[in-house]
C-alpha atoms as a PDB file:
ATOM      1  CA  PRO A   1      -8.698   7.563  -2.408  1.00  0.00           C
ATOM      2  CA  GLY A   2     -11.073   9.630  -1.052  1.00  0.00           C
ATOM      3  CA  LEU A   3      -8.981  10.809   2.304  1.00  0.00           C
ATOM      4  CA  PRO A   4      -7.784  14.276   2.455  1.00  0.00           C
ATOM      5  CA  THR A   5      -3.509  14.539   3.364  1.00  0.00           C
ATOM      6  CA  THR A   6      -4.419  16.262   6.560  1.00  0.00           C
ATOM      7  CA  ILE A   7      -5.205  13.219   8.132  1.00  0.00           C
ATOM      8  CA  PHE A   8      -2.286  11.489   7.163  1.00  0.00           C
ATOM      9  CA  LEU A   9       0.328  14.088   7.801  1.00  0.00           C
ATOM     10  CA  ILE A  10      -1.446  14.758  11.620  1.00  0.00           C
ATOM     11  CA  LEU A  11      -0.505  10.427  12.454  1.00  0.00           C
ATOM     12  CA  ALA A  12       3.044  11.390  10.868  1.00  0.00           C
ATOM     13  CA  ALA A  13       3.588  14.102  13.274  1.00  0.00           C
ATOM     14  CA  GLY A  14       1.676  12.071  16.166  1.00  0.00           C
ATOM     15  CA  CYS A  15       4.003   8.958  15.778  1.00  0.00           C
ATOM     16  CA  TYR A  16       7.197  11.479  14.885  1.00  0.00           C
ATOM     17  CA  ILE A  17       6.726  13.285  18.297  1.00  0.00           C
ATOM     18  CA  ARG A  18       7.483  10.043  20.189  1.00  0.00           C
ATOM     19  CA  SER A  19      10.246   8.535  18.256  1.00  0.00           C
ATOM     20  CA  SER A  20      11.733  11.023  16.370  1.00  0.00           C
ATOM     21  CA  LYS A  21      12.376  14.459  17.453  1.00  0.00           C
ATOM     22  CA  LYS A  22      14.164  15.693  14.330  1.00  0.00           C
ATOM     23  CA  LEU A  23      11.778  14.295  11.857  1.00  0.00           C
ATOM     24  CA  TYR A  24       8.935  15.655  14.183  1.00  0.00           C
ATOM     25  CA  ASN A  25      10.441  19.571  13.686  1.00  0.00           C
ATOM     26  CA  TRP A  26      11.044  18.801   9.998  1.00  0.00           C
ATOM     27  CA  LEU A  27       7.322  18.073   9.722  1.00  0.00           C
ATOM     28  CA  ILE A  28       6.020  20.449  12.081  1.00  0.00           C
ATOM     29  CA  ASN A  29       8.009  23.475  10.172  1.00  0.00           C
ATOM     30  CA  ASN A  30       7.798  22.216   6.584  1.00  0.00           C
ATOM     31  CA  LYS A  31       6.714  24.773   4.310  1.00  0.00           C
ATOM     32  CA  LEU A  32       4.324  23.336   2.098  1.00  0.00           C
ATOM     33  CA  PHE A  33       2.557  21.783   5.221  1.00  0.00           C
ATOM     34  CA  GLY A  34       3.483  22.390   8.433  1.00  0.00           C
ATOM     35  CA  GLN A  35       1.111  24.937   9.365  1.00  0.00           C
ATOM     36  CA  TYR A  36      -2.042  22.714   8.817  1.00  0.00           C
ATOM     37  CA  ILE A  37      -0.554  20.571  11.143  1.00  0.00           C
ATOM     38  CA  ARG A  38      -0.047  23.236  13.721  1.00  0.00           C
ATOM     39  CA  ASP A  39      -3.312  24.535  12.889  1.00  0.00           C
ATOM     40  CA  TYR A  40      -4.917  21.195  14.051  1.00  0.00           C
ATOM     41  CA  TYR A  41      -2.510  20.895  17.261  1.00  0.00           C
ATOM     42  CA  GLU A  42      -3.386  24.142  18.391  1.00  0.00           C
ATOM     43  CA  GLY A  43      -7.463  23.951  17.712  1.00  0.00           C
ATOM     44  CA  LYS A  44      -7.251  26.505  14.967  1.00  0.00           C
ATOM     45  CA  GLY A  45      -9.504  24.446  12.819  1.00  0.00           C
ATOM     46  CA  MET A  46      -9.153  24.296   8.637  1.00  0.00           C
ATOM     47  CA  PRO A  47      -9.163  27.024   6.008  1.00  0.00           C
ATOM     48  CA  LEU A  48     -12.198  27.001   4.501  1.00  0.00           C
ATOM     49  CA  LYS A  49     -10.671  26.787   0.743  1.00  0.00           C
ATOM     50  CA  ALA A  50      -8.687  23.556   2.199  1.00  0.00           C
ATOM     51  CA  LYS A  51     -12.531  22.120   3.879  1.00  0.00           C
ATOM     52  CA  ILE A  52     -13.891  22.668   0.364  1.00  0.00           C
ATOM     53  CA  SER A  53     -11.461  21.097  -1.662  1.00  0.00           C
ATOM     54  CA  ALA A  54     -11.073  18.071   1.052  1.00  0.00           C
ATOM     55  CA  ILE A  55     -14.882  17.439   0.881  1.00  0.00           C
ATOM     56  CA  SER A  56     -14.500  17.997  -3.302  1.00  0.00           C
ATOM     57  CA  MET A  57     -11.315  15.125  -2.635  1.00  0.00           C
ATOM     58  CA  ILE A  58     -13.826  12.907  -1.265  1.00  0.00           C
ATOM     59  CA  ILE A  59     -16.804  13.198  -3.874  1.00  0.00           C
ATOM     60  CA  ILE A  60     -14.918  13.071  -6.415  1.00  0.00           C
ATOM     61  CA  PHE A  61     -12.205   9.747  -5.530  1.00  0.00           C
ATOM     62  CA  CYS A  62     -15.064   8.086  -3.592  1.00  0.00           C
ATOM     63  CA  GLY A  63     -18.126   8.658  -6.627  1.00  0.00           C
ATOM     64  CA  PHE A  64     -14.929   7.826  -8.835  1.00  0.00           C
ATOM     65  CA  ALA A  65     -14.491   4.081  -6.755  1.00  0.00           C
ATOM     66  CA  VAL A  66     -18.480   3.316  -6.545  1.00  0.00           C
ATOM     67  CA  ILE A  67     -18.890   4.006 -10.293  1.00  0.00           C
ATOM     68  CA  PHE A  68     -15.950   2.534 -11.882  1.00  0.00           C
ATOM     69  CA  ALA A  69     -13.733   0.487  -9.702  1.00  0.00           C
ATOM     70  CA  ILE A  70     -16.013  -1.502  -7.467  1.00  0.00           C
ATOM     71  CA  ASP A  71     -18.776  -4.069  -8.678  1.00  0.00           C
ATOM     72  CA  PRO A  72     -20.129  -5.728  -5.596  1.00  0.00           C
ATOM     73  CA  ILE A  73     -22.721  -3.549  -4.100  1.00  0.00           C
ATOM     74  CA  LEU A  74     -21.624  -4.057  -0.120  1.00  0.00           C
ATOM     75  CA  ILE A  75     -18.376  -2.237  -1.117  1.00  0.00           C
ATOM     76  CA  ASP A  76     -20.401   0.081  -2.743  1.00  0.00           C
ATOM     77  CA  ILE A  77     -21.778   1.134   0.508  1.00  0.00           C
ATOM     78  CA  ILE A  78     -19.098   1.031   2.666  1.00  0.00           C
ATOM     79  CA  VAL A  79     -17.154   3.508   0.330  1.00  0.00           C
ATOM     80  CA  THR A  80     -20.253   5.256   0.400  1.00  0.00           C
ATOM     81  CA  LEU A  81     -19.956   5.544   4.156  1.00  0.00           C
ATOM     82  CA  VAL A  82     -16.680   5.891   4.538  1.00  0.00           C
ATOM     83  CA  GLY A  83     -16.925   8.763   2.246  1.00  0.00           C
ATOM     84  CA  LEU A  84     -19.688  10.787   4.237  1.00  0.00           C
ATOM     85  CA  THR A  85     -18.637   9.988   7.338  1.00  0.00           C
ATOM     86  CA  GLY A  86     -15.106  12.219   6.328  1.00  0.00           C
ATOM     87  CA  ILE A  87     -18.056  15.239   4.994  1.00  0.00           C
ATOM     88  CA  LEU A  88     -19.224  15.221   8.004  1.00  0.00           C
ATOM     89  CA  TYR A  89     -16.415  15.010  10.004  1.00  0.00           C
ATOM     90  CA  ILE A  90     -15.015  17.742   8.270  1.00  0.00           C
ATOM     91  CA  SER A  91     -18.299  19.564   7.912  1.00  0.00           C
ATOM     92  CA  PHE A  92     -18.976  19.666  11.375  1.00  0.00           C
ATOM     93  CA  ARG A  93     -15.937  18.505  14.084  1.00  0.00           C
ATOM     94  CA  VAL A  94     -13.056  20.316  12.270  1.00  0.00           C
ATOM     95  CA  PRO A  95     -13.720  23.784  13.196  1.00  0.00           C
ATOM     96  CA  THR A  96     -13.201  26.620  10.155  1.00  0.00           C
ATOM     97  CA  LYS A  97     -10.462  28.513  10.185  1.00  0.00           C
ATOM     98  CA  LYS A  98     -10.845  32.621  10.368  1.00  0.00           C
END
């Protein structure tokens, strides 16, 4: 929870490119999410709407975990730091697609 799906799609594509050309091609040409992977690999970044959605999901799910699901304060701090890292990475390191 708290992580956008795009990173898992990119990780899957990275694994498939070395192990199965068939699965890699299916993933990269998928109508639903293939464009996100191609844009990332080509350095085009994420659309602004996707960035806002990803950051919102990080805030919602990390906030939910800190408020409702986790008791020890150390775990709360770690979840918060991981969420902030994701937000900063998406905001400043991933280019916004025009």
